[in-house]
Every structure is written in C-alpha cells, then in structure tokens.
C-alpha cells in the first residue's frame, strides 16, 4: 500500500514535467552588464523560440539586442540546449550553447563579429493555463554571452507563450 501511494505521489509530481509544450515563443526585457567596462545598458531585449525534444530537454534559438557599449552596437543570435524541470506551475531551466555576435564600430571597439559560448538560467511561473492554444508564463532569466574582447551578462523579465 505504501509503495502504491508513493508511486501515485511521484506520478502526480512528474505529470507537469511531462506536459511541456512542443513549441514556445518568448520576449525578454532587462539590463546588461559588460565585463572589462563600467558601461551598463538598461534597454536590452531579446526574442526566443524553442521546442521540447524530450520531456526534460529542449532546444532554443534567439536574438538579443544588447544596446551599445562605448558607442558600439551589440547584437547576438544563439542556439542552445535547454534542460528543464517543472515543479507544479514553476519551471526551472538552464541553457548551454553558442552565440554569433556582431559588434558595430564605436569609440572603444572596432567592428567585429564572431562566435563564442553562451549559457543561462531562469525560472518561469505559469500565470494563465488552459487558454486557447496554450499557456502563458512569466519569468526571471540570466544569460551570459561571450564576445571577443568582453562578455555580456543580461538580467531580464520574460513572457513566454507555450503552444499546445
């Protein structure tokens, strides 16, 4: 009897994790800090889309406009794997991937583009579930993007729509 109750409890806790959407799209808005510089930007934004390939892992691609540092315009696109776990209405996730960056010419940095690593972590809370075509979640996220001469760390609020 105890084993049956334990199994039912585990199935109940795991069922939200198995209900990940096959497709999601999100928007992010926040700030960025840049290493090797005292510059910061309060107007960074990003867009992302992703899919779950297994119940606990997905893939994601996105675009970030990181504003400018010393007159150089910063943009990056990335692709990452995204392991996640759902605990009720909360989803905890990480990201690990690569980003292709573009630095516009400015006072401190020359025109530059290239590839580097990116990683991130975050949490989302489902605020609207069962709405037509899916659900909506709000969250907090951190992303680290590598560049040639510096790194960018973003701290953002996110809104994500999970399609059925």
N, C-alpha and C. Protein backbone atom coordinates (compact mmCIF):
# COMPACT_ATOMS: atom_id res chain seq x y z
N UNK A 1 0.82 -1.19 0.00
CA UNK A 1 0.00 0.00 0.00
C UNK A 1 0.87 1.26 0.00
N UNK A 2 1.94 1.26 0.81
CA UNK A 2 2.83 2.41 0.87
C UNK A 2 3.51 2.65 -0.47
N UNK A 3 3.90 1.55 -1.15
CA UNK A 3 4.56 1.68 -2.45
C UNK A 3 3.58 2.25 -3.47
N UNK A 4 2.33 1.85 -3.42
CA UNK A 4 1.32 2.36 -4.35
C UNK A 4 1.11 3.85 -4.13
N UNK A 5 1.00 4.28 -2.87
CA UNK A 5 0.83 5.70 -2.58
C UNK A 5 2.05 6.51 -3.01
N UNK A 6 3.23 5.98 -2.79
CA UNK A 6 4.45 6.65 -3.22
C UNK A 6 4.49 6.78 -4.74
N UNK A 7 4.13 5.71 -5.44
CA UNK A 7 4.12 5.75 -6.90
C UNK A 7 3.11 6.77 -7.42
N UNK A 8 1.93 6.83 -6.82
CA UNK A 8 0.93 7.81 -7.24
C UNK A 8 1.39 9.23 -6.96
N UNK A 9 2.04 9.45 -5.82
CA UNK A 9 2.56 10.78 -5.50
C UNK A 9 3.64 11.20 -6.50
N UNK A 10 4.54 10.29 -6.84
CA UNK A 10 5.59 10.61 -7.81
C UNK A 10 5.01 10.87 -9.20
N UNK A 11 4.01 10.11 -9.60
CA UNK A 11 3.38 10.34 -10.90
C UNK A 11 2.69 11.70 -10.92
N UNK A 12 2.05 12.07 -9.82
CA UNK A 12 1.40 13.37 -9.74
C UNK A 12 2.39 14.51 -9.81
N UNK A 13 3.54 14.35 -9.17
CA UNK A 13 4.56 15.40 -9.21
C UNK A 13 5.24 15.47 -10.57
N UNK A 14 5.36 14.33 -11.24
CA UNK A 14 6.06 14.30 -12.53
C UNK A 14 5.17 14.69 -13.69
N UNK A 15 3.86 14.60 -13.55
CA UNK A 15 2.98 14.85 -14.69
C UNK A 15 3.13 16.26 -15.26
N UNK A 16 3.30 17.34 -14.45
CA UNK A 16 3.53 18.64 -15.08
C UNK A 16 4.81 18.66 -15.90
N UNK A 17 5.83 17.92 -15.50
CA UNK A 17 7.09 17.91 -16.25
C UNK A 17 6.91 17.25 -17.60
N UNK A 18 5.98 16.33 -17.71
CA UNK A 18 5.76 15.66 -18.98
C UNK A 18 4.84 16.45 -19.90
N UNK A 19 4.29 17.53 -19.38
CA UNK A 19 3.34 18.31 -20.16
C UNK A 19 3.98 19.49 -20.85
N UNK A 20 5.31 19.47 -21.04
CA UNK A 20 5.98 20.57 -21.72
C UNK A 20 5.42 20.74 -23.12
N UNK A 21 5.40 21.98 -23.58
CA UNK A 21 4.86 22.26 -24.90
C UNK A 21 5.87 21.88 -25.97
N UNK A 22 5.36 21.59 -27.14
CA UNK A 22 6.23 21.26 -28.26
C UNK A 22 6.83 22.50 -28.89
N UNK A 23 6.18 23.64 -28.69
CA UNK A 23 6.67 24.88 -29.29
C UNK A 23 6.36 26.04 -28.35
N UNK A 24 7.32 26.93 -28.18
CA UNK A 24 7.10 28.13 -27.37
C UNK A 24 7.83 29.30 -28.00
N UNK A 25 7.35 30.49 -27.67
CA UNK A 25 7.98 31.73 -28.13
C UNK A 25 7.94 32.72 -26.98
N UNK A 26 9.02 33.49 -26.84
CA UNK A 26 9.09 34.42 -25.72
C UNK A 26 9.74 35.73 -26.06
N UNK A 27 9.51 36.70 -25.18
CA UNK A 27 10.15 38.01 -25.26
C UNK A 27 10.81 38.28 -23.91
N UNK A 28 11.92 39.02 -23.95
CA UNK A 28 12.68 39.34 -22.74
C UNK A 28 13.03 40.82 -22.76
N UNK A 29 13.03 41.43 -21.58
CA UNK A 29 13.45 42.83 -21.47
C UNK A 29 14.20 42.99 -20.15
N UNK A 30 15.34 43.68 -20.19
CA UNK A 30 16.09 43.84 -18.95
C UNK A 30 17.31 44.71 -19.11
N UNK A 31 18.34 44.37 -18.32
CA UNK A 31 19.58 45.13 -18.30
C UNK A 31 20.74 44.23 -18.69
N UNK A 32 21.85 44.85 -19.03
CA UNK A 32 23.07 44.11 -19.35
C UNK A 32 24.26 44.76 -18.65
N UNK A 33 25.13 43.91 -18.14
CA UNK A 33 26.42 44.36 -17.60
C UNK A 33 27.50 43.80 -18.51
N UNK A 34 28.53 44.59 -18.73
CA UNK A 34 29.61 44.18 -19.61
C UNK A 34 30.89 44.07 -18.80
N UNK A 35 31.61 42.94 -18.93
CA UNK A 35 32.88 42.79 -18.24
C UNK A 35 33.91 43.70 -18.90
N UNK A 36 34.95 44.04 -18.17
CA UNK A 36 36.02 44.92 -18.65
C UNK A 36 35.51 46.28 -19.08
N UNK A 37 34.40 46.71 -18.48
CA UNK A 37 33.86 48.03 -18.80
C UNK A 37 32.92 48.43 -17.66
N UNK A 38 32.83 49.71 -17.42
CA UNK A 38 31.88 50.20 -16.42
C UNK A 38 30.54 50.49 -17.05
N UNK A 39 30.43 50.23 -18.34
CA UNK A 39 29.18 50.53 -19.05
C UNK A 39 28.11 49.52 -18.70
N UNK A 40 26.90 49.98 -18.67
CA UNK A 40 25.73 49.15 -18.48
C UNK A 40 24.63 49.68 -19.36
N UNK A 41 23.64 48.87 -19.62
CA UNK A 41 22.56 49.29 -20.50
C UNK A 41 21.25 48.83 -19.90
N UNK A 42 20.28 49.71 -19.82
CA UNK A 42 19.00 49.35 -19.24
C UNK A 42 17.94 49.10 -20.29
N UNK A 43 18.30 48.94 -21.52
CA UNK A 43 17.32 48.73 -22.57
C UNK A 43 17.60 47.52 -23.43
N UNK A 44 18.04 46.42 -22.86
CA UNK A 44 18.31 45.23 -23.66
C UNK A 44 17.02 44.45 -23.84
N UNK A 45 16.90 43.81 -25.00
CA UNK A 45 15.72 42.97 -25.22
C UNK A 45 16.09 41.77 -26.06
N UNK A 46 15.29 40.73 -25.95
CA UNK A 46 15.54 39.51 -26.70
C UNK A 46 14.26 38.81 -27.09
N UNK A 47 14.37 37.99 -28.10
CA UNK A 47 13.28 37.15 -28.59
C UNK A 47 13.80 35.73 -28.68
N UNK A 48 12.95 34.76 -28.37
CA UNK A 48 13.39 33.37 -28.47
C UNK A 48 12.24 32.46 -28.87
N UNK A 49 12.61 31.35 -29.51
CA UNK A 49 11.67 30.28 -29.84
C UNK A 49 12.35 28.97 -29.49
N UNK A 50 11.54 27.98 -29.15
CA UNK A 50 12.12 26.70 -28.79
C UNK A 50 11.12 25.59 -28.88
N UNK A 51 11.63 24.39 -28.68
CA UNK A 51 10.80 23.20 -28.71
C UNK A 51 11.35 22.18 -27.73
N UNK A 52 10.47 21.37 -27.18
CA UNK A 52 10.90 20.28 -26.31
C UNK A 52 11.12 19.03 -27.15
N UNK A 53 12.32 18.48 -27.12
CA UNK A 53 12.57 17.26 -27.89
C UNK A 53 12.40 16.02 -27.03
N UNK A 54 12.56 16.18 -25.72
CA UNK A 54 12.30 15.14 -24.73
C UNK A 54 11.60 15.83 -23.56
N UNK A 55 11.00 15.08 -22.65
CA UNK A 55 10.29 15.74 -21.55
C UNK A 55 11.14 16.70 -20.72
N UNK A 56 12.43 16.46 -20.57
CA UNK A 56 13.25 17.31 -19.71
C UNK A 56 14.32 18.08 -20.46
N UNK A 57 14.30 18.07 -21.78
CA UNK A 57 15.33 18.79 -22.53
C UNK A 57 14.73 19.32 -23.83
N UNK A 58 15.17 20.49 -24.20
CA UNK A 58 14.70 21.11 -25.44
C UNK A 58 15.83 21.84 -26.13
N UNK A 59 15.50 22.47 -27.23
CA UNK A 59 16.44 23.31 -27.96
C UNK A 59 15.80 24.68 -28.12
N UNK A 60 16.65 25.70 -28.11
CA UNK A 60 16.14 27.07 -28.19
C UNK A 60 17.06 27.89 -29.08
N UNK A 61 16.48 28.83 -29.79
CA UNK A 61 17.23 29.80 -30.59
C UNK A 61 16.68 31.17 -30.27
N UNK A 62 17.54 32.18 -30.35
CA UNK A 62 17.07 33.51 -30.02
C UNK A 62 17.94 34.61 -30.57
N UNK A 63 17.46 35.81 -30.37
CA UNK A 63 18.12 37.05 -30.80
C UNK A 63 18.13 38.01 -29.62
N UNK A 64 19.24 38.67 -29.37
CA UNK A 64 19.33 39.71 -28.34
C UNK A 64 19.94 40.97 -28.92
N UNK A 65 19.32 42.11 -28.63
CA UNK A 65 19.90 43.42 -28.90
C UNK A 65 20.37 43.93 -27.55
N UNK A 66 21.67 44.01 -27.36
CA UNK A 66 22.25 44.37 -26.07
C UNK A 66 22.55 45.86 -25.96
N UNK A 67 22.01 46.65 -26.86
CA UNK A 67 22.24 48.10 -26.81
C UNK A 67 23.63 48.44 -27.31
N UNK A 68 24.27 49.38 -26.63
CA UNK A 68 25.63 49.73 -27.05
C UNK A 68 26.54 49.88 -25.85
N UNK A 69 27.81 49.69 -26.12
CA UNK A 69 28.86 49.89 -25.13
C UNK A 69 29.92 50.75 -25.81
N UNK A 70 30.19 51.90 -25.24
CA UNK A 70 31.18 52.84 -25.78
C UNK A 70 30.90 53.15 -27.25
N UNK A 71 29.64 53.33 -27.61
CA UNK A 71 29.27 53.68 -28.98
C UNK A 71 29.19 52.52 -29.94
N UNK A 72 29.48 51.29 -29.49
CA UNK A 72 29.41 50.12 -30.35
C UNK A 72 28.08 49.41 -30.15
N UNK A 73 27.36 49.18 -31.22
CA UNK A 73 26.07 48.50 -31.16
C UNK A 73 26.31 46.99 -31.05
N UNK A 74 25.65 46.34 -30.10
CA UNK A 74 25.86 44.91 -29.84
C UNK A 74 24.60 44.11 -30.13
N UNK A 75 24.77 43.08 -30.92
CA UNK A 75 23.67 42.16 -31.23
C UNK A 75 24.22 40.74 -31.22
N UNK A 76 23.36 39.77 -30.88
CA UNK A 76 23.79 38.38 -30.91
C UNK A 76 22.60 37.48 -31.21
N UNK A 77 22.88 36.39 -31.89
CA UNK A 77 21.91 35.31 -32.07
C UNK A 77 22.53 34.06 -31.46
N UNK A 78 21.69 33.16 -30.94
CA UNK A 78 22.23 31.99 -30.27
C UNK A 78 21.38 30.77 -30.52
N UNK A 79 21.97 29.62 -30.29
CA UNK A 79 21.28 28.33 -30.29
C UNK A 79 21.79 27.58 -29.07
N UNK A 80 20.87 26.94 -28.33
CA UNK A 80 21.27 26.30 -27.08
C UNK A 80 20.40 25.09 -26.78
N UNK A 81 20.96 24.17 -26.01
CA UNK A 81 20.15 23.12 -25.43
C UNK A 81 19.59 23.68 -24.12
N UNK A 82 18.39 23.21 -23.74
CA UNK A 82 17.71 23.79 -22.59
C UNK A 82 17.12 22.69 -21.71
N UNK A 83 17.90 22.16 -20.76
CA UNK A 83 17.31 21.22 -19.81
C UNK A 83 16.40 21.97 -18.84
N UNK A 84 15.29 21.33 -18.45
CA UNK A 84 14.35 21.99 -17.55
C UNK A 84 13.64 20.96 -16.68
N UNK A 85 13.07 21.45 -15.60
CA UNK A 85 12.26 20.62 -14.73
C UNK A 85 11.09 21.46 -14.24
N UNK A 86 9.91 20.88 -14.27
CA UNK A 86 8.72 21.56 -13.79
C UNK A 86 8.35 21.05 -12.41
N UNK A 87 8.03 21.99 -11.54
CA UNK A 87 7.54 21.67 -10.20
C UNK A 87 6.23 22.44 -10.05
N UNK A 88 5.13 21.76 -10.35
CA UNK A 88 3.84 22.44 -10.36
C UNK A 88 3.84 23.51 -11.43
N UNK A 89 3.47 24.76 -11.08
CA UNK A 89 3.44 25.83 -12.08
C UNK A 89 4.80 26.47 -12.34
N UNK A 90 5.85 26.03 -11.63
CA UNK A 90 7.19 26.59 -11.81
C UNK A 90 8.02 25.73 -12.76
N UNK A 91 8.78 26.38 -13.62
CA UNK A 91 9.74 25.68 -14.48
C UNK A 91 11.11 26.28 -14.20
N UNK A 92 12.06 25.43 -13.84
CA UNK A 92 13.45 25.83 -13.64
C UNK A 92 14.24 25.31 -14.84
N UNK A 93 15.10 26.14 -15.42
CA UNK A 93 15.83 25.71 -16.61
C UNK A 93 17.24 26.28 -16.64
N UNK A 94 18.03 25.66 -17.47
CA UNK A 94 19.37 26.14 -17.79
C UNK A 94 19.52 26.18 -19.30
N UNK A 95 20.55 26.83 -19.77
CA UNK A 95 20.84 26.89 -21.21
C UNK A 95 22.34 26.77 -21.40
N UNK A 96 22.72 26.09 -22.47
CA UNK A 96 24.13 26.00 -22.84
C UNK A 96 24.20 25.92 -24.35
N UNK A 97 24.96 26.85 -24.95
CA UNK A 97 25.02 26.85 -26.40
C UNK A 97 26.10 27.77 -26.93
N UNK A 98 25.89 28.22 -28.14
CA UNK A 98 26.84 29.10 -28.83
C UNK A 98 26.10 30.32 -29.33
N UNK A 99 26.81 31.45 -29.37
CA UNK A 99 26.22 32.66 -29.92
C UNK A 99 27.10 33.23 -31.01
N UNK A 100 26.45 33.82 -32.00
CA UNK A 100 27.14 34.56 -33.06
C UNK A 100 26.88 36.03 -32.78
N UNK A 101 27.96 36.76 -32.52
CA UNK A 101 27.81 38.15 -32.14
C UNK A 101 28.23 39.09 -33.26
N UNK A 102 27.74 40.32 -33.15
CA UNK A 102 28.09 41.39 -34.07
C UNK A 102 28.28 42.66 -33.25
N UNK A 103 29.47 43.22 -33.30
CA UNK A 103 29.79 44.46 -32.60
C UNK A 103 30.00 45.54 -33.65
N UNK A 104 29.18 46.59 -33.61
CA UNK A 104 29.35 47.71 -34.53
C UNK A 104 30.51 48.58 -34.09
N UNK A 105 31.15 49.27 -35.01
CA UNK A 105 32.30 50.10 -34.72
C UNK A 105 31.89 51.26 -33.80
N UNK A 106 32.74 51.53 -32.81
CA UNK A 106 32.47 52.61 -31.86
C UNK A 106 33.76 53.23 -31.35
N UNK A 107 33.66 53.95 -30.22
CA UNK A 107 34.83 54.63 -29.67
C UNK A 107 35.87 53.66 -29.14
N UNK A 108 35.43 52.60 -28.47
CA UNK A 108 36.35 51.69 -27.80
C UNK A 108 36.62 50.41 -28.59
N UNK A 109 35.64 49.95 -29.35
CA UNK A 109 35.77 48.67 -30.05
C UNK A 109 35.62 48.86 -31.55
N UNK A 110 36.38 48.06 -32.30
CA UNK A 110 36.28 48.06 -33.75
C UNK A 110 35.13 47.15 -34.17
N UNK A 111 34.72 47.30 -35.42
CA UNK A 111 33.70 46.43 -36.00
C UNK A 111 34.19 44.98 -35.88
N UNK A 112 33.37 44.12 -35.29
CA UNK A 112 33.80 42.76 -35.01
C UNK A 112 32.60 41.82 -35.05
N UNK A 113 32.82 40.62 -35.50
CA UNK A 113 31.82 39.58 -35.39
C UNK A 113 32.53 38.25 -35.21
N UNK A 114 31.83 37.30 -34.64
CA UNK A 114 32.44 36.01 -34.38
C UNK A 114 31.51 35.11 -33.60
N UNK A 115 32.07 34.03 -33.08
CA UNK A 115 31.30 33.03 -32.34
C UNK A 115 31.91 32.84 -30.95
N UNK A 116 31.07 32.55 -29.97
CA UNK A 116 31.54 32.28 -28.62
C UNK A 116 30.47 31.46 -27.91
N UNK A 117 30.74 31.09 -26.67
CA UNK A 117 29.80 30.31 -25.88
C UNK A 117 28.78 31.22 -25.20
N UNK A 118 27.63 30.64 -24.88
CA UNK A 118 26.61 31.32 -24.08
C UNK A 118 26.04 30.31 -23.10
N UNK A 119 25.57 30.81 -21.97
CA UNK A 119 24.86 29.97 -21.02
C UNK A 119 23.88 30.84 -20.25
N UNK A 120 22.95 30.20 -19.59
CA UNK A 120 21.96 30.95 -18.85
C UNK A 120 21.17 30.07 -17.92
N UNK A 121 20.32 30.70 -17.13
CA UNK A 121 19.45 30.00 -16.20
C UNK A 121 18.24 30.88 -15.93
N UNK A 122 17.16 30.25 -15.51
CA UNK A 122 15.97 31.04 -15.21
C UNK A 122 14.88 30.23 -14.56
N UNK A 123 13.82 30.93 -14.23
CA UNK A 123 12.63 30.32 -13.66
C UNK A 123 11.41 31.01 -14.27
N UNK A 124 10.39 30.22 -14.57
CA UNK A 124 9.14 30.75 -15.10
C UNK A 124 7.98 30.25 -14.27
N UNK A 125 6.95 31.07 -14.16
CA UNK A 125 5.75 30.72 -13.42
C UNK A 125 4.56 30.82 -14.37
N UNK A 126 3.79 29.75 -14.49
CA UNK A 126 2.63 29.73 -15.37
C UNK A 126 1.52 30.56 -14.75
N UNK A 127 1.15 31.66 -15.41
CA UNK A 127 0.12 32.55 -14.88
C UNK A 127 -1.24 32.29 -15.52
N UNK A 128 -1.26 31.85 -16.76
CA UNK A 128 -2.51 31.52 -17.44
C UNK A 128 -2.35 30.16 -18.09
N UNK A 129 -3.11 29.21 -17.60
CA UNK A 129 -3.05 27.86 -18.15
C UNK A 129 -4.43 27.53 -18.72
N UNK A 130 -4.45 26.80 -19.80
CA UNK A 130 -5.72 26.40 -20.39
C UNK A 130 -6.36 27.47 -21.25
N UNK A 131 -5.61 28.51 -21.62
CA UNK A 131 -6.15 29.50 -22.55
C UNK A 131 -6.12 28.90 -23.95
N UNK A 132 -6.91 29.42 -24.87
CA UNK A 132 -6.91 28.84 -26.21
C UNK A 132 -5.50 28.75 -26.80
N UNK A 133 -5.18 27.61 -27.30
CA UNK A 133 -3.91 27.30 -27.97
C UNK A 133 -2.71 27.13 -27.05
N UNK A 134 -2.85 27.28 -25.73
CA UNK A 134 -1.68 27.07 -24.90
C UNK A 134 -1.75 27.70 -23.53
N UNK A 135 -0.56 28.17 -23.06
CA UNK A 135 -0.46 28.78 -21.74
C UNK A 135 0.57 29.91 -21.78
N UNK A 136 0.50 30.78 -20.77
CA UNK A 136 1.39 31.93 -20.68
C UNK A 136 2.15 31.86 -19.36
N UNK A 137 3.47 32.09 -19.42
CA UNK A 137 4.27 32.12 -18.21
C UNK A 137 5.11 33.39 -18.17
N UNK A 138 5.38 33.84 -16.95
CA UNK A 138 6.25 34.99 -16.71
C UNK A 138 7.46 34.51 -15.94
N UNK A 139 8.61 35.13 -16.17
CA UNK A 139 9.80 34.62 -15.51
C UNK A 139 10.92 35.63 -15.34
N UNK A 140 11.96 35.15 -14.68
CA UNK A 140 13.21 35.88 -14.49
C UNK A 140 14.32 35.05 -15.12
N UNK A 141 15.25 35.72 -15.81
CA UNK A 141 16.30 34.98 -16.51
C UNK A 141 17.64 35.69 -16.42
N UNK A 142 18.69 34.90 -16.50
CA UNK A 142 20.07 35.38 -16.59
C UNK A 142 20.69 34.70 -17.80
N UNK A 143 21.37 35.47 -18.64
CA UNK A 143 22.11 34.92 -19.77
C UNK A 143 23.49 35.54 -19.82
N UNK A 144 24.48 34.74 -20.18
CA UNK A 144 25.86 35.18 -20.35
C UNK A 144 26.25 34.94 -21.80
N UNK A 145 26.66 36.01 -22.49
CA UNK A 145 27.09 35.91 -23.89
C UNK A 145 28.56 36.29 -23.97
N UNK A 146 29.35 35.42 -24.57
CA UNK A 146 30.76 35.72 -24.77
C UNK A 146 30.97 36.52 -26.04
N UNK A 147 31.88 37.49 -25.96
CA UNK A 147 32.32 38.27 -27.10
C UNK A 147 33.83 38.15 -27.16
N UNK A 148 34.47 38.69 -28.19
CA UNK A 148 35.91 38.56 -28.35
C UNK A 148 36.68 39.28 -27.24
N UNK A 149 36.34 40.52 -26.95
CA UNK A 149 37.11 41.32 -26.00
C UNK A 149 36.42 41.53 -24.66
N UNK A 150 35.18 41.09 -24.50
CA UNK A 150 34.43 41.26 -23.26
C UNK A 150 33.29 40.25 -23.24
N UNK A 151 32.56 40.22 -22.14
CA UNK A 151 31.38 39.37 -22.01
C UNK A 151 30.20 40.24 -21.62
N UNK A 152 29.00 39.76 -21.94
CA UNK A 152 27.77 40.47 -21.57
C UNK A 152 26.92 39.55 -20.70
N UNK A 153 26.44 40.09 -19.58
CA UNK A 153 25.54 39.37 -18.69
C UNK A 153 24.20 40.09 -18.69
N UNK A 154 23.14 39.39 -19.03
CA UNK A 154 21.81 40.00 -19.06
C UNK A 154 20.98 39.48 -17.90
N UNK A 155 20.17 40.37 -17.36
CA UNK A 155 19.22 40.06 -16.30
C UNK A 155 17.88 40.57 -16.80
N UNK A 156 16.91 39.67 -16.96
CA UNK A 156 15.69 40.11 -17.65
C UNK A 156 14.42 39.50 -17.07
N UNK A 157 13.32 40.15 -17.39
CA UNK A 157 11.98 39.63 -17.18
C UNK A 157 11.56 39.01 -18.49
N UNK A 158 10.81 37.92 -18.42
CA UNK A 158 10.40 37.27 -19.67
C UNK A 158 8.92 36.94 -19.63
N UNK A 159 8.34 36.89 -20.81
CA UNK A 159 6.98 36.41 -21.02
C UNK A 159 7.05 35.38 -22.13
N UNK A 160 6.50 34.20 -21.88
CA UNK A 160 6.60 33.10 -22.84
C UNK A 160 5.23 32.50 -23.07
N UNK A 161 4.89 32.32 -24.34
CA UNK A 161 3.65 31.63 -24.69
C UNK A 161 4.00 30.22 -25.13
N UNK A 162 3.41 29.25 -24.48
CA UNK A 162 3.63 27.84 -24.77
C UNK A 162 2.46 27.31 -25.59
N UNK A 163 2.73 26.96 -26.84
CA UNK A 163 1.69 26.44 -27.71
C UNK A 163 1.44 24.97 -27.38
N UNK A 164 0.24 24.52 -27.59
CA UNK A 164 -0.08 23.10 -27.32
C UNK A 164 0.64 22.18 -28.25
